[in-house]
């Protein structure tokens, strides 16, 4: 009897040391003594390997307003997004407070895997085409100190195709039209209503209009989402550009605030922003309007996700 008890203790110790328990198999009584029964429930209690309880729906879509967020498309899913904004409110009643003007960006995002997405888009502002790749490096899990937040890396390249009208840049080389952005997105869902994201960002412009400023712009972004009901949430984002990198007289920090409305398979967002550009180099490094001067755009974003994989 003592030998059997010792054997059970050794087996338990070996299993605990390897942190792996096969719950599909049951421990059997190893004693030949009539009436002996092994206490299976006490041996298995609390020892099963469990998948991390990953946090879901930190944000509703793959973007906050202008900026990327940590949410990803699943494998073989495609997100078709239209970003639209009107002119600025300070244009007055003659231009219907900016509604006579329109700027738009159209994009397609595709889930290569659950952790890697790619995106292509085209903006009417400066006729910019851009492409990006997005990689989720860590996913927040409930009660897991090793996964306290979600981390995503985003790399973007854009090319401006607007025809050259500046005789000082002749010939206008293709490389002068290129722009690059690198972002690290760190987000945490604190509860069912509140999510916060910080966004250290580097924007590089191959060509700038003044030698006084830098080709590479460093910025720190802050964004968040607060749910006010099951289908409505308030979102916001702000990008602070570090000093002496862009002209403080010509450009301003981007600030946007919006309202997300879930309508079936769509996410419809109304927002206000001082940024005309809808790609990273546009709204981070080249926002010319100011909230203090009522140079504010009203706009909306529409997102629709399709499954395009095989059944």
C-alpha atoms as a PDB file:
ATOM      1  CA  UNK A   1       0.000   0.000   0.000  1.00  0.00           C
ATOM      2  CA  UNK A   2       2.795   2.401   0.893  1.00  0.00           C
ATOM      3  CA  UNK A   3       4.482   1.676  -2.458  1.00  0.00           C
ATOM      4  CA  UNK A   4       1.337   2.622  -4.339  1.00  0.00           C
ATOM      5  CA  UNK A   5       0.905   5.856  -2.368  1.00  0.00           C
ATOM      6  CA  UNK A   6       4.553   6.798  -3.043  1.00  0.00           C
ATOM      7  CA  UNK A   7       4.059   6.077  -6.730  1.00  0.00           C
ATOM      8  CA  UNK A   8       1.025   8.391  -6.840  1.00  0.00           C
ATOM      9  CA  UNK A   9       3.003  11.192  -5.169  1.00  0.00           C
ATOM     10  CA  UNK A  10       5.872  10.812  -7.661  1.00  0.00           C
ATOM     11  CA  UNK A  11       3.452  10.913 -10.604  1.00  0.00           C
ATOM     12  CA  UNK A  12       1.745  14.031  -9.265  1.00  0.00           C
ATOM     13  CA  UNK A  13       5.072  15.768  -8.712  1.00  0.00           C
ATOM     14  CA  UNK A  14       6.248  14.924 -12.223  1.00  0.00           C
ATOM     15  CA  UNK A  15       3.007  16.252 -13.723  1.00  0.00           C
ATOM     16  CA  UNK A  16       3.126  19.502 -11.752  1.00  0.00           C
ATOM     17  CA  UNK A  17       6.779  20.111 -12.632  1.00  0.00           C
ATOM     18  CA  UNK A  18       5.976  19.910 -16.348  1.00  0.00           C
ATOM     19  CA  UNK A  19       2.783  21.976 -15.992  1.00  0.00           C
ATOM     20  CA  UNK A  20       0.929  19.689 -18.382  1.00  0.00           C
ATOM     21  CA  UNK A  21      -2.115  17.604 -17.471  1.00  0.00           C
ATOM     22  CA  UNK A  22      -3.976  15.475 -20.008  1.00  0.00           C
ATOM     23  CA  UNK A  23      -7.564  15.940 -18.882  1.00  0.00           C
ATOM     24  CA  UNK A  24      -8.859  13.392 -21.376  1.00  0.00           C
ATOM     25  CA  UNK A  25      -7.377  10.562 -19.326  1.00  0.00           C
ATOM     26  CA  UNK A  26      -8.487   9.583 -15.869  1.00  0.00           C
ATOM     27  CA  UNK A  27      -6.327   8.374 -13.058  1.00  0.00           C
ATOM     28  CA  UNK A  28      -7.047   4.762 -12.246  1.00  0.00           C
ATOM     29  CA  UNK A  29      -6.780   3.032  -8.897  1.00  0.00           C
ATOM     30  CA  UNK A  30      -3.352   1.467  -8.717  1.00  0.00           C
ATOM     31  CA  UNK A  31      -3.982  -0.659  -5.690  1.00  0.00           C
ATOM     32  CA  UNK A  32      -5.035  -4.303  -5.842  1.00  0.00           C
ATOM     33  CA  UNK A  33      -6.635  -3.992  -2.435  1.00  0.00           C
ATOM     34  CA  UNK A  34     -10.406  -4.666  -2.688  1.00  0.00           C
ATOM     35  CA  UNK A  35     -12.529  -1.521  -2.225  1.00  0.00           C
ATOM     36  CA  UNK A  36      -9.670   0.951  -2.948  1.00  0.00           C
ATOM     37  CA  UNK A  37     -10.739   4.010  -5.034  1.00  0.00           C
ATOM     38  CA  UNK A  38      -8.610   6.915  -6.304  1.00  0.00           C
ATOM     39  CA  UNK A  39      -9.927  10.419  -5.634  1.00  0.00           C
ATOM     40  CA  UNK A  40      -9.938  11.651  -9.232  1.00  0.00           C
ATOM     41  CA  UNK A  41     -11.533  15.044  -8.565  1.00  0.00           C
ATOM     42  CA  UNK A  42      -8.928  16.062  -6.004  1.00  0.00           C
ATOM     43  CA  UNK A  43      -6.077  15.059  -8.302  1.00  0.00           C
ATOM     44  CA  UNK A  44      -7.328  17.100 -11.281  1.00  0.00           C
ATOM     45  CA  UNK A  45      -8.771  20.102  -9.488  1.00  0.00           C
ATOM     46  CA  UNK A  46      -7.079  23.336 -10.625  1.00  0.00           C
ATOM     47  CA  UNK A  47      -4.310  21.630 -12.590  1.00  0.00           C
ATOM     48  CA  UNK A  48      -5.744  21.824 -16.126  1.00  0.00           C
ATOM     49  CA  UNK A  49      -3.946  23.934 -18.730  1.00  0.00           C
ATOM     50  CA  UNK A  50      -6.246  26.735 -19.859  1.00  0.00           C
ATOM     51  CA  UNK A  51      -6.086  29.078 -22.812  1.00  0.00           C
ATOM     52  CA  UNK A  52      -5.541  32.712 -21.788  1.00  0.00           C
ATOM     53  CA  UNK A  53      -8.772  34.650 -21.384  1.00  0.00           C
ATOM     54  CA  UNK A  54      -8.016  37.179 -24.111  1.00  0.00           C
ATOM     55  CA  UNK A  55      -9.713  40.567 -24.012  1.00  0.00           C
ATOM     56  CA  UNK A  56     -11.988  41.296 -26.976  1.00  0.00           C
ATOM     57  CA  UNK A  57     -13.531  44.450 -28.439  1.00  0.00           C
ATOM     58  CA  UNK A  58     -11.016  46.889 -26.997  1.00  0.00           C
ATOM     59  CA  UNK A  59     -12.153  49.103 -29.872  1.00  0.00           C
ATOM     60  CA  UNK A  60     -14.908  48.437 -32.375  1.00  0.00           C
ATOM     61  CA  UNK A  61     -13.030  48.878 -35.662  1.00  0.00           C
ATOM     62  CA  UNK A  62      -9.453  48.777 -36.926  1.00  0.00           C
ATOM     63  CA  UNK A  63      -9.121  52.574 -36.570  1.00  0.00           C
ATOM     64  CA  UNK A  64     -10.036  55.117 -33.903  1.00  0.00           C
ATOM     65  CA  UNK A  65     -10.891  58.071 -36.166  1.00  0.00           C
ATOM     66  CA  UNK A  66      -7.861  58.811 -38.326  1.00  0.00           C
ATOM     67  CA  UNK A  67      -5.329  56.628 -36.546  1.00  0.00           C
ATOM     68  CA  UNK A  68      -4.870  52.886 -36.521  1.00  0.00           C
ATOM     69  CA  UNK A  69      -5.830  51.016 -33.337  1.00  0.00           C
ATOM     70  CA  UNK A  70      -4.866  47.611 -31.960  1.00  0.00           C
ATOM     71  CA  UNK A  71      -7.945  45.802 -33.302  1.00  0.00           C
ATOM     72  CA  UNK A  72      -7.232  43.281 -36.086  1.00  0.00           C
ATOM     73  CA  UNK A  73      -9.247  41.570 -38.777  1.00  0.00           C
ATOM     74  CA  UNK A  74      -9.462  37.817 -38.569  1.00  0.00           C
ATOM     75  CA  UNK A  75      -7.928  35.616 -41.239  1.00  0.00           C
ATOM     76  CA  UNK A  76      -9.614  35.909 -44.665  1.00  0.00           C
ATOM     77  CA  UNK A  77     -11.716  38.909 -43.618  1.00  0.00           C
ATOM     78  CA  UNK A  78     -11.734  42.177 -45.552  1.00  0.00           C
ATOM     79  CA  UNK A  79     -12.709  45.613 -44.245  1.00  0.00           C
ATOM     80  CA  UNK A  80     -13.946  48.156 -46.801  1.00  0.00           C
ATOM     81  CA  UNK A  81     -13.762  51.656 -45.301  1.00  0.00           C
ATOM     82  CA  UNK A  82     -14.845  55.053 -46.583  1.00  0.00           C
ATOM     83  CA  UNK A  83     -13.551  58.110 -44.702  1.00  0.00           C
ATOM     84  CA  UNK A  84     -15.296  61.341 -45.664  1.00  0.00           C
ATOM     85  CA  UNK A  85     -15.070  64.875 -44.367  1.00  0.00           C
ATOM     86  CA  UNK A  86     -16.393  68.230 -45.451  1.00  0.00           C
ATOM     87  CA  UNK A  87     -14.815  71.679 -45.465  1.00  0.00           C
ATOM     88  CA  UNK A  88     -14.237  73.713 -42.307  1.00  0.00           C
ATOM     89  CA  UNK A  89     -17.047  75.258 -40.262  1.00  0.00           C
ATOM     90  CA  UNK A  90     -15.552  78.760 -40.492  1.00  0.00           C
ATOM     91  CA  UNK A  91     -16.606  79.053 -44.163  1.00  0.00           C
ATOM     92  CA  UNK A  92     -19.987  80.322 -43.055  1.00  0.00           C
ATOM     93  CA  UNK A  93     -23.488  79.981 -44.429  1.00  0.00           C
ATOM     94  CA  UNK A  94     -22.515  80.738 -48.036  1.00  0.00           C
ATOM     95  CA  UNK A  95     -20.635  77.408 -48.244  1.00  0.00           C
ATOM     96  CA  UNK A  96     -23.077  75.787 -45.816  1.00  0.00           C
ATOM     97  CA  UNK A  97     -20.378  75.680 -43.125  1.00  0.00           C
ATOM     98  CA  UNK A  98     -18.084  73.562 -45.236  1.00  0.00           C
ATOM     99  CA  UNK A  99     -20.654  71.089 -46.601  1.00  0.00           C
ATOM    100  CA  UNK A 100     -20.058  72.349 -50.166  1.00  0.00           C
ATOM    101  CA  UNK A 101     -16.566  70.815 -50.014  1.00  0.00           C
ATOM    102  CA  UNK A 102     -15.641  67.160 -49.697  1.00  0.00           C
ATOM    103  CA  UNK A 103     -12.487  65.100 -49.096  1.00  0.00           C
ATOM    104  CA  UNK A 104     -12.394  61.330 -48.950  1.00  0.00           C
ATOM    105  CA  UNK A 105     -10.213  58.285 -48.449  1.00  0.00           C
ATOM    106  CA  UNK A 106     -11.112  54.756 -49.534  1.00  0.00           C
ATOM    107  CA  UNK A 107      -9.275  51.728 -48.159  1.00  0.00           C
ATOM    108  CA  UNK A 108      -9.285  47.940 -48.140  1.00  0.00           C
ATOM    109  CA  UNK A 109      -7.846  45.983 -45.205  1.00  0.00           C
ATOM    110  CA  UNK A 110      -7.248  42.231 -45.469  1.00  0.00           C
ATOM    111  CA  UNK A 111      -6.518  39.699 -42.728  1.00  0.00           C
ATOM    112  CA  UNK A 112      -3.617  37.511 -43.829  1.00  0.00           C
ATOM    113  CA  UNK A 113      -3.770  35.845 -40.412  1.00  0.00           C
ATOM    114  CA  UNK A 114      -5.424  36.719 -37.116  1.00  0.00           C
ATOM    115  CA  UNK A 115      -2.227  38.577 -36.160  1.00  0.00           C
ATOM    116  CA  UNK A 116      -1.139  40.140 -39.480  1.00  0.00           C
ATOM    117  CA  UNK A 117      -3.194  42.573 -41.593  1.00  0.00           C
ATOM    118  CA  UNK A 118      -2.348  44.523 -44.732  1.00  0.00           C
ATOM    119  CA  UNK A 119      -4.075  47.653 -46.018  1.00  0.00           C
ATOM    120  CA  UNK A 120      -4.136  49.739 -49.207  1.00  0.00           C
ATOM    121  CA  UNK A 121      -5.819  53.121 -49.546  1.00  0.00           C
ATOM    122  CA  UNK A 122      -6.181  56.219 -51.670  1.00  0.00           C
ATOM    123  CA  UNK A 123      -6.863  59.772 -50.473  1.00  0.00           C
ATOM    124  CA  UNK A 124      -8.205  62.628 -52.550  1.00  0.00           C
ATOM    125  CA  UNK A 125      -6.080  65.081 -50.529  1.00  0.00           C
ATOM    126  CA  UNK A 126      -2.833  65.424 -52.538  1.00  0.00           C
ATOM    127  CA  UNK A 127      -3.884  62.231 -54.394  1.00  0.00           C
ATOM    128  CA  UNK A 128      -1.969  59.968 -52.014  1.00  0.00           C
ATOM    129  CA  UNK A 129      -1.795  56.178 -52.360  1.00  0.00           C
ATOM    130  CA  UNK A 130      -0.620  54.282 -49.274  1.00  0.00           C
ATOM    131  CA  UNK A 131      -0.086  50.755 -48.048  1.00  0.00           C
ATOM    132  CA  UNK A 132       0.562  49.380 -44.581  1.00  0.00           C
ATOM    133  CA  UNK A 133       1.253  46.200 -42.676  1.00  0.00           C
ATOM    134  CA  UNK A 134       0.023  45.642 -39.140  1.00  0.00           C
ATOM    135  CA  UNK A 135       1.339  43.021 -36.730  1.00  0.00           C
ATOM    136  CA  UNK A 136      -0.133  42.216 -33.311  1.00  0.00           C
ATOM    137  CA  UNK A 137       2.816  41.400 -31.035  1.00  0.00           C
ATOM    138  CA  UNK A 138       0.894  40.921 -27.775  1.00  0.00           C
ATOM    139  CA  UNK A 139      -2.745  40.469 -26.842  1.00  0.00           C
ATOM    140  CA  UNK A 140      -4.192  41.548 -23.503  1.00  0.00           C
ATOM    141  CA  UNK A 141      -5.491  38.718 -21.324  1.00  0.00           C
ATOM    142  CA  UNK A 142      -7.640  38.982 -18.218  1.00  0.00           C
ATOM    143  CA  UNK A 143      -5.794  38.292 -14.979  1.00  0.00           C
ATOM    144  CA  UNK A 144      -2.507  37.596 -16.781  1.00  0.00           C
ATOM    145  CA  UNK A 145       0.358  39.764 -15.548  1.00  0.00           C
ATOM    146  CA  UNK A 146       2.445  38.718 -18.547  1.00  0.00           C
ATOM    147  CA  UNK A 147      -0.209  40.127 -20.933  1.00  0.00           C
ATOM    148  CA  UNK A 148      -1.419  43.355 -19.289  1.00  0.00           C
ATOM    149  CA  UNK A 149      -2.056  45.140 -22.588  1.00  0.00           C
ATOM    150  CA  UNK A 150      -2.148  44.737 -26.359  1.00  0.00           C
ATOM    151  CA  UNK A 151       0.805  45.803 -28.521  1.00  0.00           C
ATOM    152  CA  UNK A 152       0.680  46.302 -32.293  1.00  0.00           C
ATOM    153  CA  UNK A 153       3.341  47.484 -34.739  1.00  0.00           C
ATOM    154  CA  UNK A 154       2.285  49.363 -37.885  1.00  0.00           C
ATOM    155  CA  UNK A 155       4.486  50.279 -40.866  1.00  0.00           C
ATOM    156  CA  UNK A 156       3.094  52.492 -43.631  1.00  0.00           C
ATOM    157  CA  UNK A 157       4.455  53.790 -46.950  1.00  0.00           C
ATOM    158  CA  UNK A 158       2.724  56.473 -49.000  1.00  0.00           C
ATOM    159  CA  UNK A 159       3.315  58.116 -52.371  1.00  0.00           C
ATOM    160  CA  UNK A 160       1.931  61.509 -53.365  1.00  0.00           C
ATOM    161  CA  UNK A 161       0.809  61.630 -57.020  1.00  0.00           C
ATOM    162  CA  UNK A 162      -0.295  65.275 -57.173  1.00  0.00           C
ATOM    163  CA  UNK A 163       1.238  66.944 -60.208  1.00  0.00           C
ATOM    164  CA  UNK A 164       4.224  69.161 -59.464  1.00  0.00           C
ATOM    165  CA  UNK A 165       3.520  72.901 -59.672  1.00  0.00           C
ATOM    166  CA  UNK A 166       6.672  74.099 -57.886  1.00  0.00           C
ATOM    167  CA  UNK A 167       9.451  75.045 -60.327  1.00  0.00           C
ATOM    168  CA  UNK A 168      12.039  74.851 -57.507  1.00  0.00           C
ATOM    169  CA  UNK A 169      11.674  71.053 -57.473  1.00  0.00           C
ATOM    170  CA  UNK A 170      12.396  70.185 -61.095  1.00  0.00           C
ATOM    171  CA  UNK A 171      12.664  67.393 -61.955  1.00  0.00           C
ATOM    172  CA  UNK A 172      10.261  66.060 -59.303  1.00  0.00           C
ATOM    173  CA  UNK A 173      11.887  62.681 -58.632  1.00  0.00           C
ATOM    174  CA  UNK A 174       9.695  59.748 -57.611  1.00  0.00           C
ATOM    175  CA  UNK A 175      11.691  59.303 -54.390  1.00  0.00           C
ATOM    176  CA  UNK A 176      10.743  62.865 -53.372  1.00  0.00           C
ATOM    177  CA  UNK A 177       7.103  61.804 -53.311  1.00  0.00           C
ATOM    178  CA  UNK A 178       7.580  59.006 -50.765  1.00  0.00           C
ATOM    179  CA  UNK A 179       6.648  59.063 -47.084  1.00  0.00           C
ATOM    180  CA  UNK A 180       7.125  56.460 -44.337  1.00  0.00           C
ATOM    181  CA  UNK A 181       5.444  55.967 -40.974  1.00  0.00           C
ATOM    182  CA  UNK A 182       6.240  53.624 -38.093  1.00  0.00           C
ATOM    183  CA  UNK A 183       3.903  53.295 -35.115  1.00  0.00           C
ATOM    184  CA  UNK A 184       3.791  51.290 -31.925  1.00  0.00           C
ATOM    185  CA  UNK A 185       0.264  50.985 -30.546  1.00  0.00           C
ATOM    186  CA  UNK A 186      -0.140  50.106 -26.859  1.00  0.00           C
ATOM    187  CA  UNK A 187      -3.720  49.729 -25.633  1.00  0.00           C
ATOM    188  CA  UNK A 188      -5.486  48.541 -22.516  1.00  0.00           C
ATOM    189  CA  UNK A 189      -9.149  47.796 -21.929  1.00  0.00           C
ATOM    190  CA  UNK A 190      -9.765  48.763 -18.302  1.00  0.00           C
ATOM    191  CA  UNK A 191     -13.384  47.618 -18.177  1.00  0.00           C
ATOM    192  CA  UNK A 192     -16.342  46.999 -20.478  1.00  0.00           C
ATOM    193  CA  UNK A 193     -16.689  50.724 -21.160  1.00  0.00           C
ATOM    194  CA  UNK A 194     -13.212  52.314 -21.116  1.00  0.00           C
ATOM    195  CA  UNK A 195     -10.253  51.609 -23.428  1.00  0.00           C
ATOM    196  CA  UNK A 196      -7.101  53.745 -23.800  1.00  0.00           C
ATOM    197  CA  UNK A 197      -4.287  53.652 -26.369  1.00  0.00           C
ATOM    198  CA  UNK A 198      -0.940  55.463 -26.658  1.00  0.00           C
ATOM    199  CA  UNK A 199       0.798  55.777 -30.031  1.00  0.00           C
ATOM    200  CA  UNK A 200       4.492  56.730 -30.310  1.00  0.00           C
ATOM    201  CA  UNK A 201       4.957  57.547 -33.997  1.00  0.00           C
ATOM    202  CA  UNK A 202       7.743  58.374 -36.452  1.00  0.00           C
ATOM    203  CA  UNK A 203       6.893  60.017 -39.789  1.00  0.00           C
ATOM    204  CA  UNK A 204       9.633  60.445 -42.410  1.00  0.00           C
ATOM    205  CA  UNK A 205       9.148  62.735 -45.426  1.00  0.00           C
ATOM    206  CA  UNK A 206      11.736  62.420 -48.175  1.00  0.00           C
ATOM    207  CA  UNK A 207      11.176  66.017 -49.298  1.00  0.00           C
ATOM    208  CA  UNK A 208      10.128  69.043 -47.226  1.00  0.00           C
ATOM    209  CA  UNK A 209       9.579  72.652 -48.232  1.00  0.00           C
ATOM    210  CA  UNK A 210      12.056  74.234 -45.840  1.00  0.00           C
ATOM    211  CA  UNK A 211      15.561  73.396 -44.647  1.00  0.00           C
ATOM    212  CA  UNK A 212      14.655  74.794 -41.221  1.00  0.00           C
ATOM    213  CA  UNK A 213      12.545  71.761 -40.393  1.00  0.00           C
ATOM    214  CA  UNK A 214      13.220  68.061 -40.171  1.00  0.00           C
ATOM    215  CA  UNK A 215      12.419  65.308 -42.603  1.00  0.00           C
ATOM    216  CA  UNK A 216      11.713  62.976 -39.677  1.00  0.00           C
ATOM    217  CA  UNK A 217       8.907  63.968 -37.315  1.00  0.00           C
ATOM    218  CA  UNK A 218       8.473  62.401 -33.870  1.00  0.00           C
ATOM    219  CA  UNK A 219       5.016  62.384 -32.345  1.00  0.00           C
ATOM    220  CA  UNK A 220       3.157  60.914 -29.379  1.00  0.00           C
ATOM    221  CA  UNK A 221      -0.502  60.051 -29.789  1.00  0.00           C
ATOM    222  CA  UNK A 222      -3.205  59.386 -27.211  1.00  0.00           C
ATOM    223  CA  UNK A 223      -6.576  57.843 -28.008  1.00  0.00           C
ATOM    224  CA  UNK A 224      -9.506  56.330 -26.217  1.00  0.00           C
ATOM    225  CA  UNK A 225     -13.011  54.951 -26.377  1.00  0.00           C
ATOM    226  CA  UNK A 226     -15.867  55.104 -23.877  1.00  0.00           C
ATOM    227  CA  UNK A 227     -19.066  53.150 -24.397  1.00  0.00           C
ATOM    228  CA  UNK A 228     -22.222  55.002 -23.391  1.00  0.00           C
ATOM    229  CA  UNK A 229     -24.562  52.197 -24.447  1.00  0.00           C
ATOM    230  CA  UNK A 230     -24.455  48.770 -26.073  1.00  0.00           C
ATOM    231  CA  UNK A 231     -24.184  50.220 -29.597  1.00  0.00           C
ATOM    232  CA  UNK A 232     -22.857  53.774 -29.082  1.00  0.00           C
ATOM    233  CA  UNK A 233     -19.373  54.878 -28.006  1.00  0.00           C
ATOM    234  CA  UNK A 234     -17.436  58.146 -27.813  1.00  0.00           C
ATOM    235  CA  UNK A 235     -13.935  58.052 -29.334  1.00  0.00           C
ATOM    236  CA  UNK A 236     -11.108  60.562 -29.436  1.00  0.00           C
ATOM    237  CA  UNK A 237      -7.461  60.938 -30.447  1.00  0.00           C
ATOM    238  CA  UNK A 238      -4.735  63.576 -30.119  1.00  0.00           C
ATOM    239  CA  UNK A 239      -1.240  63.686 -31.658  1.00  0.00           C
ATOM    240  CA  UNK A 240       1.407  65.889 -30.091  1.00  0.00           C
ATOM    241  CA  UNK A 241       4.359  66.674 -32.367  1.00  0.00           C
ATOM    242  CA  UNK A 242       7.608  67.266 -30.500  1.00  0.00           C
ATOM    243  CA  UNK A 243       8.945  70.866 -30.702  1.00  0.00           C
ATOM    244  CA  UNK A 244      11.149  72.267 -33.512  1.00  0.00           C
ATOM    245  CA  UNK A 245      10.172  69.618 -36.060  1.00  0.00           C
ATOM    246  CA  UNK A 246       7.440  71.401 -38.041  1.00  0.00           C
ATOM    247  CA  UNK A 247       6.452  75.060 -38.396  1.00  0.00           C
ATOM    248  CA  UNK A 248       4.268  75.996 -35.434  1.00  0.00           C
ATOM    249  CA  UNK A 249       2.830  78.860 -37.521  1.00  0.00           C
ATOM    250  CA  UNK A 250       1.837  76.632 -40.422  1.00  0.00           C
ATOM    251  CA  UNK A 251       0.958  73.319 -38.754  1.00  0.00           C
ATOM    252  CA  UNK A 252      -0.943  72.287 -35.620  1.00  0.00           C
ATOM    253  CA  UNK A 253      -1.418  69.150 -33.543  1.00  0.00           C
ATOM    254  CA  UNK A 254      -4.219  66.900 -34.734  1.00  0.00           C
ATOM    255  CA  UNK A 255      -7.242  66.480 -32.448  1.00  0.00           C
ATOM    256  CA  UNK A 256     -10.367  64.507 -33.342  1.00  0.00           C
ATOM    257  CA  UNK A 257     -13.480  63.447 -31.463  1.00  0.00           C
ATOM    258  CA  UNK A 258     -16.250  61.185 -32.717  1.00  0.00           C
ATOM    259  CA  UNK A 259     -19.255  59.014 -31.993  1.00  0.00           C
ATOM    260  CA  UNK A 260     -19.357  55.347 -33.073  1.00  0.00           C
ATOM    261  CA  UNK A 261     -22.720  53.814 -33.933  1.00  0.00           C
ATOM    262  CA  UNK A 262     -23.049  50.073 -34.591  1.00  0.00           C
ATOM    263  CA  UNK A 263     -25.709  49.315 -37.203  1.00  0.00           C
ATOM    264  CA  UNK A 264     -25.789  45.609 -37.956  1.00  0.00           C
ATOM    265  CA  UNK A 265     -22.697  44.673 -39.952  1.00  0.00           C
ATOM    266  CA  UNK A 266     -21.583  48.308 -40.277  1.00  0.00           C
ATOM    267  CA  UNK A 267     -19.802  50.702 -37.955  1.00  0.00           C
ATOM    268  CA  UNK A 268     -20.891  54.281 -38.666  1.00  0.00           C
ATOM    269  CA  UNK A 269     -18.879  57.091 -37.094  1.00  0.00           C
ATOM    270  CA  UNK A 270     -19.592  60.834 -36.972  1.00  0.00           C
ATOM    271  CA  UNK A 271     -16.656  63.020 -36.013  1.00  0.00           C
ATOM    272  CA  UNK A 272     -15.096  66.486 -35.818  1.00  0.00           C
ATOM    273  CA  UNK A 273     -11.409  67.067 -36.568  1.00  0.00           C
ATOM    274  CA  UNK A 274      -8.982  69.817 -37.507  1.00  0.00           C
ATOM    275  CA  UNK A 275      -7.118  67.501 -39.915  1.00  0.00           C
ATOM    276  CA  UNK A 276      -7.830  67.482 -43.634  1.00  0.00           C
ATOM    277  CA  UNK A 277      -5.452  64.625 -44.476  1.00  0.00           C
ATOM    278  CA  UNK A 278      -6.574  61.090 -43.668  1.00  0.00           C
ATOM    279  CA  UNK A 279      -3.257  59.245 -43.951  1.00  0.00           C
ATOM    280  CA  UNK A 280      -0.560  59.280 -41.264  1.00  0.00           C
ATOM    281  CA  UNK A 281       1.796  61.841 -42.787  1.00  0.00           C
ATOM    282  CA  UNK A 282      -1.205  64.102 -43.508  1.00  0.00           C
ATOM    283  CA  UNK A 283      -2.908  64.276 -40.121  1.00  0.00           C
ATOM    284  CA  UNK A 284       0.212  63.940 -37.950  1.00  0.00           C
ATOM    285  CA  UNK A 285       2.751  66.152 -39.722  1.00  0.00           C
ATOM    286  CA  UNK A 286       0.640  68.385 -41.977  1.00  0.00           C
ATOM    287  CA  UNK A 287      -2.485  69.514 -40.109  1.00  0.00           C
ATOM    288  CA  UNK A 288      -2.902  73.168 -41.091  1.00  0.00           C
ATOM    289  CA  UNK A 289      -6.186  73.957 -39.313  1.00  0.00           C
ATOM    290  CA  UNK A 290      -6.754  75.048 -35.715  1.00  0.00           C
ATOM    291  CA  UNK A 291      -9.625  74.327 -33.355  1.00  0.00           C
ATOM    292  CA  UNK A 292      -9.137  77.789 -31.788  1.00  0.00           C
ATOM    293  CA  UNK A 293      -9.914  79.424 -35.145  1.00  0.00           C
ATOM    294  CA  UNK A 294     -12.995  77.255 -35.750  1.00  0.00           C
ATOM    295  CA  UNK A 295     -11.191  75.516 -38.612  1.00  0.00           C
ATOM    296  CA  UNK A 296     -12.955  72.247 -37.897  1.00  0.00           C
ATOM    297  CA  UNK A 297     -14.086  69.573 -40.336  1.00  0.00           C
ATOM    298  CA  UNK A 298     -17.281  67.617 -39.815  1.00  0.00           C
ATOM    299  CA  UNK A 299     -17.076  64.135 -41.299  1.00  0.00           C
ATOM    300  CA  UNK A 300     -17.989  60.486 -41.091  1.00  0.00           C
ATOM    301  CA  UNK A 301     -16.384  57.047 -41.476  1.00  0.00           C
ATOM    302  CA  UNK A 302     -18.185  53.900 -42.638  1.00  0.00           C
ATOM    303  CA  UNK A 303     -16.730  50.423 -42.201  1.00  0.00           C
ATOM    304  CA  UNK A 304     -18.067  47.119 -43.528  1.00  0.00           C
ATOM    305  CA  UNK A 305     -16.376  43.751 -42.978  1.00  0.00           C
ATOM    306  CA  UNK A 306     -16.702  40.850 -45.431  1.00  0.00           C
ATOM    307  CA  UNK A 307     -15.561  37.253 -45.173  1.00  0.00           C
ATOM    308  CA  UNK A 308     -13.823  36.349 -48.433  1.00  0.00           C
ATOM    309  CA  UNK A 309     -12.240  32.992 -47.563  1.00  0.00           C
ATOM    310  CA  UNK A 310     -13.419  29.573 -48.561  1.00  0.00           C
ATOM    311  CA  UNK A 311     -16.151  27.929 -46.488  1.00  0.00           C
END
